[in-house]
C-alpha atoms as a PDB file:
ATOM      1  CA  VAL A   1      40.505 165.157  67.523  1.00  0.00           C
ATOM      2  CA  GLN A   2      43.731 166.084  69.008  1.00  0.00           C
ATOM      3  CA  LEU A   3      46.888 164.171  68.014  1.00  0.00           C
ATOM      4  CA  VAL A   4      50.249 164.259  69.979  1.00  0.00           C
ATOM      5  CA  GLU A   5      53.134 162.370  68.249  1.00  0.00           C
ATOM      6  CA  SER A   6      56.374 161.557  70.126  1.00  0.00           C
ATOM      7  CA  GLY A   7      59.372 159.369  69.952  1.00  0.00           C
ATOM      8  CA  GLY A   8      61.347 160.938  67.211  1.00  0.00           C
ATOM      9  CA  GLY A   9      65.038 161.851  67.486  1.00  0.00           C
ATOM     10  CA  LEU A  10      68.578 161.605  65.935  1.00  0.00           C
ATOM     11  CA  VAL A  11      69.759 158.179  65.058  1.00  0.00           C
ATOM     12  CA  GLN A  12      72.536 156.628  62.856  1.00  0.00           C
ATOM     13  CA  PRO A  13      71.764 154.867  59.595  1.00  0.00           C
ATOM     14  CA  GLY A  14      70.703 151.312  60.433  1.00  0.00           C
ATOM     15  CA  GLY A  15      69.270 152.360  63.751  1.00  0.00           C
ATOM     16  CA  SER A  16      65.800 152.107  65.216  1.00  0.00           C
ATOM     17  CA  LEU A  17      63.093 154.259  66.613  1.00  0.00           C
ATOM     18  CA  ARG A  18      59.589 153.844  67.880  1.00  0.00           C
ATOM     19  CA  LEU A  19      57.086 156.657  67.219  1.00  0.00           C
ATOM     20  CA  SER A  20      53.879 156.904  69.206  1.00  0.00           C
ATOM     21  CA  CYS A  21      50.756 158.931  68.684  1.00  0.00           C
ATOM     22  CA  GLU A  22      47.988 159.492  71.221  1.00  0.00           C
ATOM     23  CA  ALA A  23      44.710 160.690  69.828  1.00  0.00           C
ATOM     24  CA  SER A  24      41.645 162.061  71.700  1.00  0.00           C
ATOM     25  CA  GLY A  25      38.168 161.194  70.969  1.00  0.00           C
ATOM     26  CA  SER A  26      36.117 158.102  70.490  1.00  0.00           C
ATOM     27  CA  ILE A  27      36.527 158.075  66.727  1.00  0.00           C
ATOM     28  CA  PHE A  28      39.946 156.644  66.945  1.00  0.00           C
ATOM     29  CA  SER A  29      38.847 153.055  67.401  1.00  0.00           C
ATOM     30  CA  ILE A  30      36.609 153.058  64.431  1.00  0.00           C
ATOM     31  CA  ASN A  31      38.816 154.856  61.868  1.00  0.00           C
ATOM     32  CA  ALA A  32      41.849 153.885  59.965  1.00  0.00           C
ATOM     33  CA  MET A  33      44.979 155.481  61.136  1.00  0.00           C
ATOM     34  CA  GLY A  34      48.194 156.473  59.341  1.00  0.00           C
ATOM     35  CA  TRP A  35      51.633 157.696  59.783  1.00  0.00           C
ATOM     36  CA  TYR A  36      52.647 160.337  57.326  1.00  0.00           C
ATOM     37  CA  ARG A  37      56.131 162.014  56.784  1.00  0.00           C
ATOM     38  CA  GLN A  38      57.197 165.390  55.253  1.00  0.00           C
ATOM     39  CA  ALA A  39      60.779 165.780  54.237  1.00  0.00           C
ATOM     40  CA  PRO A  40      62.152 169.390  53.470  1.00  0.00           C
ATOM     41  CA  GLY A  41      60.903 170.582  50.268  1.00  0.00           C
ATOM     42  CA  LYS A  42      58.620 167.708  49.680  1.00  0.00           C
ATOM     43  CA  GLN A  43      54.947 167.009  50.034  1.00  0.00           C
ATOM     44  CA  ARG A  44      53.737 165.030  52.975  1.00  0.00           C
ATOM     45  CA  GLU A  45      53.122 161.403  52.133  1.00  0.00           C
ATOM     46  CA  LEU A  46      51.420 158.418  53.741  1.00  0.00           C
ATOM     47  CA  VAL A  47      53.926 155.801  54.653  1.00  0.00           C
ATOM     48  CA  ALA A  48      51.885 153.191  56.617  1.00  0.00           C
ATOM     49  CA  ALA A  49      48.249 152.715  57.594  1.00  0.00           C
ATOM     50  CA  ILE A  50      46.201 150.417  59.792  1.00  0.00           C
ATOM     51  CA  SER A  51      42.541 149.569  59.767  1.00  0.00           C
ATOM     52  CA  PRO A  52      40.452 149.348  62.946  1.00  0.00           C
ATOM     53  CA  GLY A  53      40.881 145.612  62.762  1.00  0.00           C
ATOM     54  CA  GLY A  54      44.598 145.551  62.121  1.00  0.00           C
ATOM     55  CA  ILE A  55      45.000 145.278  58.226  1.00  0.00           C
ATOM     56  CA  THR A  56      48.134 147.211  57.326  1.00  0.00           C
ATOM     57  CA  PHE A  57      49.378 149.071  54.322  1.00  0.00           C
ATOM     58  CA  TYR A  58      52.981 150.242  53.645  1.00  0.00           C
ATOM     59  CA  VAL A  59      54.429 152.351  50.977  1.00  0.00           C
ATOM     60  CA  ASP A  60      57.187 150.397  49.138  1.00  0.00           C
ATOM     61  CA  SER A  61      60.184 152.458  50.414  1.00  0.00           C
ATOM     62  CA  VAL A  62      59.311 151.163  53.890  1.00  0.00           C
ATOM     63  CA  LYS A  63      58.127 147.715  53.521  1.00  0.00           C
ATOM     64  CA  GLY A  64      60.003 145.317  55.538  1.00  0.00           C
ATOM     65  CA  ARG A  65      61.565 147.981  57.849  1.00  0.00           C
ATOM     66  CA  PHE A  66      58.560 149.773  59.400  1.00  0.00           C
ATOM     67  CA  THR A  67      55.679 148.229  61.393  1.00  0.00           C
ATOM     68  CA  ILE A  68      52.607 150.016  62.324  1.00  0.00           C
ATOM     69  CA  SER A  69      50.406 149.011  65.156  1.00  0.00           C
ATOM     70  CA  ARG A  70      47.552 150.258  67.309  1.00  0.00           C
ATOM     71  CA  ASP A  71      46.177 149.919  70.879  1.00  0.00           C
ATOM     72  CA  ASN A  72      42.408 150.970  70.572  1.00  0.00           C
ATOM     73  CA  ALA A  73      42.126 150.845  74.447  1.00  0.00           C
ATOM     74  CA  LYS A  74      44.862 153.510  74.599  1.00  0.00           C
ATOM     75  CA  ASN A  75      43.833 155.540  71.611  1.00  0.00           C
ATOM     76  CA  THR A  76      47.409 155.105  70.451  1.00  0.00           C
ATOM     77  CA  VAL A  77      49.089 154.284  67.169  1.00  0.00           C
ATOM     78  CA  TYR A  78      52.708 153.246  66.809  1.00  0.00           C
ATOM     79  CA  LEU A  79      55.353 153.155  64.185  1.00  0.00           C
ATOM     80  CA  GLN A  80      58.412 150.883  64.846  1.00  0.00           C
ATOM     81  CA  MET A  81      61.048 151.979  62.333  1.00  0.00           C
ATOM     82  CA  ASN A  82      63.932 149.616  61.793  1.00  0.00           C
ATOM     83  CA  SER A  83      66.991 149.754  59.454  1.00  0.00           C
ATOM     84  CA  LEU A  84      66.606 153.538  59.175  1.00  0.00           C
ATOM     85  CA  LYS A  85      68.124 155.257  56.114  1.00  0.00           C
ATOM     86  CA  PRO A  86      69.087 158.927  55.716  1.00  0.00           C
ATOM     87  CA  GLU A  87      66.162 159.203  53.092  1.00  0.00           C
ATOM     88  CA  ASP A  88      63.837 158.551  56.143  1.00  0.00           C
ATOM     89  CA  THR A  89      64.705 161.903  57.555  1.00  0.00           C
ATOM     90  CA  ALA A  90      61.416 163.983  58.021  1.00  0.00           C
ATOM     91  CA  VAL A  91      58.798 165.183  60.232  1.00  0.00           C
ATOM     92  CA  TYR A  92      56.512 162.250  61.017  1.00  0.00           C
ATOM     93  CA  TYR A  93      52.812 162.863  61.719  1.00  0.00           C
ATOM     94  CA  CYS A  94      49.918 160.636  62.485  1.00  0.00           C
ATOM     95  CA  ASN A  95      46.275 161.130  61.398  1.00  0.00           C
ATOM     96  CA  GLY A  96      43.290 159.347  60.182  1.00  0.00           C
ATOM     97  CA  ALA A  97      43.805 157.338  56.844  1.00  0.00           C
ATOM     98  CA  ALA A  98      41.430 157.520  53.926  1.00  0.00           C
ATOM     99  CA  ARG A  99      41.368 153.722  53.557  1.00  0.00           C
ATOM    100  CA  TRP A 100      39.077 151.038  54.477  1.00  0.00           C
ATOM    101  CA  GLY A 101      36.329 153.599  54.898  1.00  0.00           C
ATOM    102  CA  GLY A 102      38.318 155.953  57.076  1.00  0.00           C
ATOM    103  CA  ALA A 103      39.180 159.535  56.734  1.00  0.00           C
ATOM    104  CA  GLU A 104      41.887 162.002  57.649  1.00  0.00           C
ATOM    105  CA  PHE A 105      40.920 164.301  60.626  1.00  0.00           C
ATOM    106  CA  GLY A 106      40.625 167.920  60.189  1.00  0.00           C
ATOM    107  CA  SER A 107      43.659 168.913  62.132  1.00  0.00           C
ATOM    108  CA  TRP A 108      47.231 167.863  62.468  1.00  0.00           C
ATOM    109  CA  GLY A 109      49.565 167.520  65.451  1.00  0.00           C
ATOM    110  CA  GLN A 110      53.000 169.050  65.731  1.00  0.00           C
ATOM    111  CA  GLY A 111      54.640 165.985  64.383  1.00  0.00           C
ATOM    112  CA  THR A 112      57.909 164.505  65.591  1.00  0.00           C
ATOM    113  CA  GLN A 113      61.344 164.903  63.871  1.00  0.00           C
ATOM    114  CA  VAL A 114      63.206 161.937  62.754  1.00  0.00           C
ATOM    115  CA  THR A 115      66.801 162.609  61.571  1.00  0.00           C
ATOM    116  CA  VAL A 116      68.903 159.791  60.396  1.00  0.00           C
ATOM    117  CA  SER A 117      72.583 160.751  59.910  1.00  0.00           C
ATOM    118  CA  SER A 118      76.211 159.575  60.964  1.00  0.00           C
END
């Protein structure tokens, strides 16, 4: 599976961004998908996940601000990020999620940089 993330950038605190991730391969529609982030000096963490049928999970720090969605026809998963905070600054990646019977894929994309700063 190849993963291509896009949509990152520099935004002021309180601003919004929408990330997209296009995946190759037929496994996309039957696997849970997740958005992960890795800040400098920190481990990569799962911040949001979505099941093939649309059940969602969010880590507490992004609940109420981030929304994950997917379009199985386009093999694409999205992350709408609102009310961004400086602590959201990180490289964001998508991959499969080990939830609802799913699994991470063996390879990662290049990620997309999100920087929240005034």
